[in-house]
């Protein structure tokens, strides 16, 4: 009887359990159905940045508006797609008609086309959101060279380029290509660092135009939704230095030994490709050199110690070690020669008897100022060494005695004068030495 009673109770409970279980299944199924935007709704996408470096990120906002102009019910699910990079999360629910997700650019250069949809609403092809990534985001590039002028013998300039996006932000991880119409650039492709900078080097001995290029050229999308990008370029010209222009001339007419010869040196001001003059030297052609300073015009004097034709060279050197030179020639004469007078005590002259010799040197008028007698020498003509009587004033007489020994006979006596400029004159006379 107990078993019969329990079976009767189960028959009455089972229909109730079946109803409750079925209701639970139906409720669970309904909770998994997403809430979508109704027909006629529109979706608008906005990004906080439309240009990103490699691995950059930006927020993307989807605004959903129903046909009546009001936002849909909170929790409306919006799904996102992109042609490049990644959107996290790829689906999100609205609040106040908006949903915000994160776009991550990734490592591929190009333009990401981002779209969104919910139910029957989606972003039109003309209104998809486009975010330029890496090279595709380049909006401007700069280029400069240091130094901007190199030696005429050849040299190296450092090339520095900065890459910017449309908002003026520097862009890292962007390849920059360098090229030139003269010389060589190495490396030819450099990726910008975190400061948006790429550096390379130019080696040339000719004026060179250098071009830096970054970004890509192409079109993304079609029709009214098409977006075009163009590679950006910048140029700089590195000039080859022009050495100084130099001229030299003498303002001294008929220069002579011992007389200061004046030279005028003129250096042309450096042009647009010239560097400042560092020094100017003059080679006087006789083994001596002098400095003419660094001015555009200067004078320098030099005294020649012997007659002759001299080639004088002026060389100007600029801060780039480039040079300019000029030459002139100068003919240096002996000038007025000194004279020497020889007087001998009265004859006859005998062996072993002292004889007095008197020498007088004279500097003629017209000789360079401060010219004096450098030496008076006498050769007694008997094989003995010539004797130097030393210096003397012009017109001053200097005497010396000499005793001849055998053999007897004629002796050629020679007196010589040398002035302080190296000019020389001599006179001779013959005497007879008896027993």
Protein backbone atom coordinates (compact mmCIF):
# COMPACT_ATOMS: atom_id res chain seq x y z
CA UNK A 1 0.00 0.00 0.00
CA UNK A 2 2.95 2.35 0.72
CA UNK A 3 4.39 1.81 -2.75
CA UNK A 4 1.06 2.48 -4.39
CA UNK A 5 0.72 5.68 -2.38
CA UNK A 6 4.21 6.97 -3.45
CA UNK A 7 3.57 6.31 -7.12
CA UNK A 8 0.38 8.25 -6.90
CA UNK A 9 2.24 11.22 -5.36
CA UNK A 10 4.99 11.18 -8.09
CA UNK A 11 2.33 11.21 -10.81
CA UNK A 12 1.00 14.45 -9.38
CA UNK A 13 4.50 16.15 -8.88
CA UNK A 14 6.05 15.25 -12.25
CA UNK A 15 3.95 17.61 -14.41
CA UNK A 16 4.88 20.48 -12.09
CA UNK A 17 8.61 19.68 -12.30
CA UNK A 18 8.37 19.44 -16.06
CA UNK A 19 6.82 22.89 -16.25
CA UNK A 20 9.46 24.42 -13.95
CA UNK A 21 12.37 22.77 -15.82
CA UNK A 22 11.03 23.90 -19.21
CA UNK A 23 10.65 27.46 -17.94
CA UNK A 24 14.26 27.43 -16.73
CA UNK A 25 15.54 26.26 -20.10
CA UNK A 26 13.57 28.92 -21.92
CA UNK A 27 14.82 31.62 -19.55
CA UNK A 28 18.45 30.51 -20.00
CA UNK A 29 18.10 30.55 -23.76
CA UNK A 30 16.64 34.06 -23.73
CA UNK A 31 19.53 35.41 -21.58
CA UNK A 32 22.11 34.37 -24.21
CA UNK A 33 20.44 36.32 -27.02
CA UNK A 34 22.43 39.64 -27.46
CA UNK A 35 20.68 42.99 -27.47
CA UNK A 36 21.26 44.56 -30.89
CA UNK A 37 20.58 47.98 -32.37
CA UNK A 38 17.16 48.23 -34.03
CA UNK A 39 16.79 48.73 -37.77
CA UNK A 40 17.41 52.27 -38.97
CA UNK A 41 20.09 52.94 -36.36
CA UNK A 42 23.38 54.57 -37.32
CA UNK A 43 26.90 53.95 -35.96
CA UNK A 44 29.59 56.64 -35.96
CA UNK A 45 33.24 55.90 -35.13
CA UNK A 46 35.65 58.36 -33.54
CA UNK A 47 39.33 57.80 -32.67
CA UNK A 48 41.47 59.92 -30.36
CA UNK A 49 44.32 59.55 -32.91
CA UNK A 50 44.21 58.76 -36.60
CA UNK A 51 47.98 58.37 -36.98
CA UNK A 52 50.00 55.95 -34.88
CA UNK A 53 53.56 54.70 -34.72
CA UNK A 54 54.31 51.01 -34.90
CA UNK A 55 52.79 49.33 -31.82
CA UNK A 56 50.87 52.49 -30.95
CA UNK A 57 47.40 52.49 -29.43
CA UNK A 58 44.34 54.72 -29.44
CA UNK A 59 40.78 54.67 -28.08
CA UNK A 60 37.97 54.09 -30.57
CA UNK A 61 34.47 55.28 -29.65
CA UNK A 62 31.33 53.95 -31.36
CA UNK A 63 28.25 56.17 -31.07
CA UNK A 64 24.95 54.35 -31.77
CA UNK A 65 21.80 56.40 -32.50
CA UNK A 66 18.39 54.95 -33.26
CA UNK A 67 16.24 56.20 -36.14
CA UNK A 68 14.34 58.44 -33.74
CA UNK A 69 17.55 60.21 -32.68
CA UNK A 70 17.85 58.58 -29.27
CA UNK A 71 20.52 56.17 -28.04
CA UNK A 72 19.57 52.51 -27.85
CA UNK A 73 19.02 50.61 -24.65
CA UNK A 74 22.17 50.19 -22.53
CA UNK A 75 23.84 46.87 -23.14
CA UNK A 76 23.36 47.00 -26.92
CA UNK A 77 26.19 44.89 -28.36
CA UNK A 78 28.54 46.47 -30.93
CA UNK A 79 31.09 44.41 -32.85
CA UNK A 80 34.29 45.83 -34.41
CA UNK A 81 36.46 44.85 -37.39
CA UNK A 82 39.82 46.15 -38.64
CA UNK A 83 42.00 45.43 -41.65
CA UNK A 84 45.23 45.96 -39.68
CA UNK A 85 46.15 45.69 -36.05
CA UNK A 86 43.83 44.48 -33.32
CA UNK A 87 40.76 45.78 -31.43
CA UNK A 88 40.32 44.83 -27.81
CA UNK A 89 37.68 43.86 -27.01
CA UNK A 90 36.26 43.10 -30.43
CA UNK A 91 32.73 43.33 -28.95
CA UNK A 92 31.42 45.66 -26.28
CA UNK A 93 28.08 46.83 -24.88
CA UNK A 94 26.86 50.41 -25.02
CA UNK A 95 26.21 52.73 -22.15
CA UNK A 96 24.35 55.90 -23.02
CA UNK A 97 24.63 54.87 -26.67
CA UNK A 98 28.43 54.76 -26.61
CA UNK A 99 31.06 52.08 -26.36
CA UNK A 100 34.85 52.52 -26.10
CA UNK A 101 37.43 49.96 -27.20
CA UNK A 102 41.19 50.00 -27.68
CA UNK A 103 42.84 49.84 -31.11
CA UNK A 104 46.39 48.39 -31.13
CA UNK A 105 48.37 49.19 -34.27
CA UNK A 106 50.75 46.24 -34.28
CA UNK A 107 53.98 46.04 -36.32
CA UNK A 108 52.73 46.39 -39.89
CA UNK A 109 52.90 49.70 -41.78
CA UNK A 110 49.74 50.73 -43.57
CA UNK A 111 46.27 52.17 -43.05
CA UNK A 112 43.86 50.29 -40.82
CA UNK A 113 40.21 50.49 -41.92
CA UNK A 114 38.00 50.09 -38.83
CA UNK A 115 34.29 49.38 -38.99
CA UNK A 116 31.52 48.41 -36.54
CA UNK A 117 28.09 46.82 -36.69
CA UNK A 118 25.17 45.93 -34.45
CA UNK A 119 22.12 44.13 -35.72
CA UNK A 120 21.10 45.77 -38.97
CA UNK A 121 23.17 48.89 -38.30
CA UNK A 122 26.74 49.29 -39.56
CA UNK A 123 29.24 51.95 -40.52
CA UNK A 124 29.00 52.89 -44.19
CA UNK A 125 32.07 52.35 -46.36
CA UNK A 126 32.41 56.10 -46.77
CA UNK A 127 32.47 56.63 -43.02
CA UNK A 128 34.77 53.86 -41.88
CA UNK A 129 37.50 54.98 -39.51
CA UNK A 130 40.99 55.00 -40.99
CA UNK A 131 44.10 55.02 -38.83
CA UNK A 132 47.49 55.40 -40.47
CA UNK A 133 50.16 53.18 -38.94
CA UNK A 134 53.93 53.61 -39.02
CA UNK A 135 55.20 54.82 -42.38
CA UNK A 136 51.65 55.42 -43.58
CA UNK A 137 51.20 57.95 -40.78
CA UNK A 138 54.12 60.16 -41.84
CA UNK A 139 52.96 63.69 -42.52
CA UNK A 140 56.23 65.63 -42.49
CA UNK A 141 59.97 65.01 -42.55
CA UNK A 142 62.89 67.37 -41.95
CA UNK A 143 66.55 67.10 -42.96
CA UNK A 144 69.70 69.03 -42.13
CA UNK A 145 73.44 68.53 -42.62
CA UNK A 146 76.33 69.37 -40.33
CA UNK A 147 78.57 70.88 -41.51
CA UNK A 148 76.71 72.39 -44.44
CA UNK A 149 79.99 73.06 -46.27
CA UNK A 150 82.94 70.66 -46.49
CA UNK A 151 86.51 70.92 -47.69
CA UNK A 152 87.26 71.09 -51.41
CA UNK A 153 89.51 68.07 -50.79
CA UNK A 154 86.43 66.10 -49.72
CA UNK A 155 84.85 65.37 -46.37
CA UNK A 156 81.92 63.98 -44.41
CA UNK A 157 78.70 65.61 -43.24
CA UNK A 158 76.25 64.18 -40.69
CA UNK A 159 72.67 63.99 -41.95
CA UNK A 160 69.88 64.29 -39.37
CA UNK A 161 66.21 63.69 -40.17
CA UNK A 162 63.10 63.94 -37.97
CA UNK A 163 59.74 62.35 -38.83
CA UNK A 164 56.37 63.73 -37.69
CA UNK A 165 52.73 62.68 -37.92
CA UNK A 166 49.81 64.93 -38.86
CA UNK A 167 49.54 66.15 -35.28
CA UNK A 168 53.18 67.20 -35.10
CA UNK A 169 54.23 64.27 -32.93
CA UNK A 170 57.60 62.66 -33.60
CA UNK A 171 57.39 59.12 -34.93
CA UNK A 172 59.66 56.25 -33.95
CA UNK A 173 60.24 52.99 -35.84
CA UNK A 174 59.77 54.63 -39.26
CA UNK A 175 62.27 53.73 -42.02
CA UNK A 176 63.95 56.78 -43.59
CA UNK A 177 65.72 56.42 -46.95
CA UNK A 178 68.66 58.71 -47.79
CA UNK A 179 69.95 59.35 -51.32
CA UNK A 180 72.33 61.85 -52.97
CA UNK A 181 73.24 63.06 -56.44
CA UNK A 182 76.97 63.24 -55.59
CA UNK A 183 79.11 61.15 -53.28
CA UNK A 184 77.80 58.34 -51.11
CA UNK A 185 75.37 58.06 -48.17
CA UNK A 186 75.77 55.32 -45.58
CA UNK A 187 73.68 53.81 -44.23
CA UNK A 188 71.09 54.45 -46.91
CA UNK A 189 68.11 53.33 -44.78
CA UNK A 190 67.79 54.19 -41.09
CA UNK A 191 64.85 53.54 -38.73
CA UNK A 192 63.89 56.46 -36.51
CA UNK A 193 64.52 56.15 -32.80
CA UNK A 194 62.09 56.97 -30.00
CA UNK A 195 62.69 60.68 -30.63
CA UNK A 196 61.74 60.38 -34.28
CA UNK A 197 65.36 60.88 -35.36
CA UNK A 198 67.34 59.08 -38.07
CA UNK A 199 71.01 59.84 -38.78
CA UNK A 200 73.30 58.96 -41.68
CA UNK A 201 76.55 60.25 -43.20
CA UNK A 202 77.40 61.84 -46.56
CA UNK A 203 80.90 61.53 -48.02
CA UNK A 204 81.61 63.74 -51.05
CA UNK A 205 84.10 66.04 -52.75
CA UNK A 206 81.46 67.79 -54.85
CA UNK A 207 78.41 69.86 -54.04
CA UNK A 208 75.71 67.30 -53.20
CA UNK A 209 71.94 67.40 -52.90
CA UNK A 210 70.67 64.90 -50.34
CA UNK A 211 67.06 63.65 -50.15
CA UNK A 212 65.42 61.95 -47.16
CA UNK A 213 62.19 60.01 -47.77
CA UNK A 214 59.75 58.51 -45.27
CA UNK A 215 56.20 57.24 -45.53
CA UNK A 216 54.32 55.31 -48.20
CA UNK A 217 52.28 56.27 -51.23
CA UNK A 218 49.01 54.50 -51.93
CA UNK A 219 45.22 54.49 -51.71
CA UNK A 220 43.09 52.69 -49.13
CA UNK A 221 39.43 52.00 -49.85
CA UNK A 222 37.33 52.82 -52.89
CA UNK A 223 34.89 55.44 -54.00
CA UNK A 224 34.00 58.14 -51.50
CA UNK A 225 35.69 56.16 -48.76
CA UNK A 226 39.07 56.10 -50.47
CA UNK A 227 42.04 57.64 -48.63
CA UNK A 228 45.38 58.42 -50.26
CA UNK A 229 48.78 58.72 -48.59
CA UNK A 230 52.00 60.09 -50.07
CA UNK A 231 55.62 59.56 -49.13
CA UNK A 232 57.18 62.67 -47.61
CA UNK A 233 60.56 64.04 -48.67
CA UNK A 234 63.01 66.68 -47.50
CA UNK A 235 66.23 67.89 -49.15
CA UNK A 236 69.41 69.65 -48.11
CA UNK A 237 72.41 70.80 -50.13
CA UNK A 238 75.93 70.24 -48.85
CA UNK A 239 78.32 72.65 -50.53
CA UNK A 240 81.97 72.12 -51.29
CA UNK A 241 83.99 74.88 -49.73
CA UNK A 242 85.60 77.52 -51.96
CA UNK A 243 89.08 78.46 -50.80
CA UNK A 244 90.04 82.12 -50.26
CA UNK A 245 90.91 84.31 -53.25
CA UNK A 246 94.34 85.91 -52.77
CA UNK A 247 96.44 88.55 -54.54
CA UNK A 248 99.90 89.93 -53.75
CA UNK A 249 101.92 92.83 -55.16
CA UNK A 250 104.90 94.98 -54.14
CA UNK A 251 104.67 98.73 -53.80
CA UNK A 252 108.47 99.19 -53.68
CA UNK A 253 110.03 100.35 -56.94
CA UNK A 254 113.53 99.17 -57.89
CA UNK A 255 114.16 97.32 -54.61
CA UNK A 256 117.77 96.84 -53.60
CA UNK A 257 119.69 94.70 -51.18
CA UNK A 258 119.21 95.85 -47.63
CA UNK A 259 116.20 97.96 -48.41
CA UNK A 260 112.79 96.89 -46.94
CA UNK A 261 110.52 95.67 -49.71
CA UNK A 262 106.82 96.21 -48.98
CA UNK A 263 104.25 93.66 -50.15
CA UNK A 264 100.45 94.16 -50.08
CA UNK A 265 98.37 91.01 -49.63
CA UNK A 266 94.62 91.06 -50.34
CA UNK A 267 92.28 88.22 -49.40
CA UNK A 268 88.74 88.18 -50.81
CA UNK A 269 85.99 87.82 -48.23
CA UNK A 270 84.68 84.24 -48.14
CA UNK A 271 81.64 83.62 -50.32
CA UNK A 272 78.53 81.64 -49.45
CA UNK A 273 80.51 78.42 -49.66
CA UNK A 274 83.66 79.78 -48.03
CA UNK A 275 84.94 79.54 -44.48
CA UNK A 276 86.59 82.25 -42.42
CA UNK A 277 90.28 82.88 -43.09
CA UNK A 278 92.49 81.32 -40.42
CA UNK A 279 95.91 82.69 -41.44
CA UNK A 280 97.87 84.21 -44.33
CA UNK A 281 101.58 83.47 -44.82
CA UNK A 282 104.09 84.90 -47.28
CA UNK A 283 107.07 82.96 -48.65
CA UNK A 284 109.59 85.60 -49.75
CA UNK A 285 111.46 83.23 -52.04
CA UNK A 286 114.77 83.42 -50.17
CA UNK A 287 114.00 80.77 -47.58
CA UNK A 288 112.27 83.21 -45.26
CA UNK A 289 108.57 83.34 -44.36
CA UNK A 290 106.32 85.87 -42.67
CA UNK A 291 102.75 86.27 -41.49
CA UNK A 292 100.27 88.68 -43.06
CA UNK A 293 97.60 88.17 -40.38
CA UNK A 294 93.99 87.25 -41.15
CA UNK A 295 92.59 90.50 -42.49
CA UNK A 296 91.24 91.11 -45.96
CA UNK A 297 94.14 93.49 -46.72
CA UNK A 298 97.54 93.73 -45.04
CA UNK A 299 101.13 94.72 -45.69
CA UNK A 300 104.32 92.90 -44.82
CA UNK A 301 107.97 93.96 -45.23
CA UNK A 302 111.07 91.97 -46.00
CA UNK A 303 114.77 92.80 -46.45
CA UNK A 304 116.75 90.81 -49.01
CA UNK A 305 120.43 90.21 -48.31
CA UNK A 306 121.56 89.48 -51.83
CA UNK A 307 120.62 90.58 -55.29
CA UNK A 308 118.50 88.33 -57.48
CA UNK A 309 115.03 87.50 -58.80
CA UNK A 310 112.69 86.16 -56.13
CA UNK A 311 109.26 84.51 -56.53
CA UNK A 312 107.05 85.58 -53.62
CA UNK A 313 104.01 83.44 -52.70
CA UNK A 314 101.08 84.36 -50.47
CA UNK A 315 98.93 81.49 -49.12
CA UNK A 316 95.63 82.00 -47.26
CA UNK A 317 94.19 79.09 -45.27
CA UNK A 318 90.58 79.05 -44.07
CA UNK A 319 88.96 77.29 -41.13
CA UNK A 320 88.21 74.30 -43.39
CA UNK A 321 91.93 73.98 -44.21
CA UNK A 322 91.25 74.93 -47.81
CA UNK A 323 93.76 77.33 -49.35
CA UNK A 324 94.08 80.03 -51.95
CA UNK A 325 97.40 81.37 -53.22
CA UNK A 326 98.96 84.01 -55.43
CA UNK A 327 102.48 84.83 -56.61
CA UNK A 328 104.51 87.79 -57.72
CA UNK A 329 108.17 88.24 -58.59
CA UNK A 330 110.57 90.88 -57.39
CA UNK A 331 113.97 91.84 -58.84
CA UNK A 332 116.37 92.93 -56.11
CA UNK A 333 119.42 94.91 -57.20
CA UNK A 334 122.68 95.57 -55.42
CA UNK A 335 122.00 99.27 -55.01
CA UNK A 336 124.77 101.84 -54.54
CA UNK A 337 128.04 100.07 -53.67
CA UNK A 338 130.36 101.22 -50.91
CA UNK A 339 133.82 102.46 -51.87
CA UNK A 340 137.18 101.78 -50.26
CA UNK A 341 140.32 103.95 -50.34
CA UNK A 342 143.79 102.43 -49.77
CA UNK A 343 146.75 104.60 -48.66
CA UNK A 344 150.33 103.34 -48.07
CA UNK A 345 153.13 105.10 -46.21
CA UNK A 346 155.90 106.66 -48.33
CA UNK A 347 158.28 104.40 -50.25
CA UNK A 348 160.82 102.97 -50.69
CA UNK A 349 159.74 99.69 -49.05
CA UNK A 350 162.28 97.29 -47.65
CA UNK A 351 162.26 93.79 -46.27
CA UNK A 352 161.82 93.68 -42.51
CA UNK A 353 160.70 97.31 -42.38
CA UNK A 354 157.14 98.02 -41.14
CA UNK A 355 154.84 99.64 -43.69
CA UNK A 356 151.63 101.48 -42.72
CA UNK A 357 148.42 100.77 -44.67
CA UNK A 358 145.32 102.97 -44.17
CA UNK A 359 141.81 101.91 -45.32
CA UNK A 360 138.77 104.18 -45.55
CA UNK A 361 135.29 102.81 -46.39
CA UNK A 362 132.49 105.09 -47.54
CA UNK A 363 128.75 104.52 -47.91
CA UNK A 364 127.41 106.44 -50.92
CA UNK A 365 124.30 108.60 -50.86
CA UNK A 366 121.18 106.73 -51.98
CA UNK A 367 122.07 103.63 -50.00
CA UNK A 368 119.34 102.22 -47.74
CA UNK A 369 118.93 103.98 -44.42
CA UNK A 370 121.14 102.72 -41.61
CA UNK A 371 123.60 101.09 -44.01
CA UNK A 372 127.05 100.91 -42.43
CA UNK A 373 130.50 99.42 -42.94
CA UNK A 374 130.46 95.78 -41.89
CA UNK A 375 134.14 95.03 -42.50
CA UNK A 376 137.39 96.36 -43.96
CA UNK A 377 139.92 93.71 -45.01
CA UNK A 378 143.37 93.87 -46.59
CA UNK A 379 145.33 91.26 -48.52
CA UNK A 380 149.05 92.13 -48.40
CA UNK A 381 149.84 90.02 -51.48
CA UNK A 382 152.62 87.99 -49.84
CA UNK A 383 150.68 84.82 -49.18
CA UNK A 384 149.72 85.74 -45.64
CA UNK A 385 146.09 85.56 -44.53
CA UNK A 386 143.98 88.64 -45.35
CA UNK A 387 143.47 90.77 -42.24
CA UNK A 388 140.06 92.09 -41.12
CA UNK A 389 140.26 95.54 -39.61
CA UNK A 390 136.65 95.22 -38.37
CA UNK A 391 133.76 97.68 -38.60
CA UNK A 392 134.01 101.40 -39.09
CA UNK A 393 131.81 104.39 -39.67
CA UNK A 394 131.39 105.66 -43.19
CA UNK A 395 134.48 107.79 -44.03
CA UNK A 396 136.42 106.59 -40.99
CA UNK A 397 140.04 105.64 -41.69
CA UNK A 398 141.59 102.55 -40.10
CA UNK A 399 145.38 101.92 -40.18
CA UNK A 400 147.50 98.77 -39.85
CA UNK A 401 151.23 97.99 -40.17
CA UNK A 402 152.70 95.02 -42.00
CA UNK A 403 156.32 93.83 -42.41
CA UNK A 404 157.32 91.91 -45.51
CA UNK A 405 159.93 89.17 -45.43
CA UNK A 406 161.84 87.63 -48.29
CA UNK A 407 161.34 87.12 -51.11
CA UNK A 408 161.62 90.61 -52.39
CA UNK A 409 159.74 91.95 -55.40
CA UNK A 410 156.33 93.27 -56.42
CA UNK A 411 153.38 92.74 -54.11
CA UNK A 412 149.70 93.26 -55.12
CA UNK A 413 147.92 94.80 -52.12
CA UNK A 414 144.07 94.59 -52.12
CA UNK A 415 141.67 96.47 -49.82
CA UNK A 416 138.03 95.33 -49.60
CA UNK A 417 134.93 96.87 -47.99
CA UNK A 418 131.63 95.12 -47.21
CA UNK A 419 128.58 97.10 -46.10
CA UNK A 420 125.89 95.89 -43.74
CA UNK A 421 123.72 94.91 -46.71
CA UNK A 422 126.35 92.54 -48.04
CA UNK A 423 127.45 94.81 -50.88
CA UNK A 424 131.21 94.77 -51.48
CA UNK A 425 133.87 96.77 -53.34
CA UNK A 426 137.65 96.38 -53.63
CA UNK A 427 140.69 98.30 -54.82
CA UNK A 428 144.27 97.10 -55.46
CA UNK A 429 147.72 98.64 -55.86
CA UNK A 430 151.24 97.26 -56.54
CA UNK A 431 154.26 98.00 -54.37
CA UNK A 432 157.91 96.88 -54.70
CA UNK A 433 159.73 95.44 -51.75
CA UNK A 434 163.47 95.94 -51.92
CA UNK A 435 166.36 94.59 -49.88
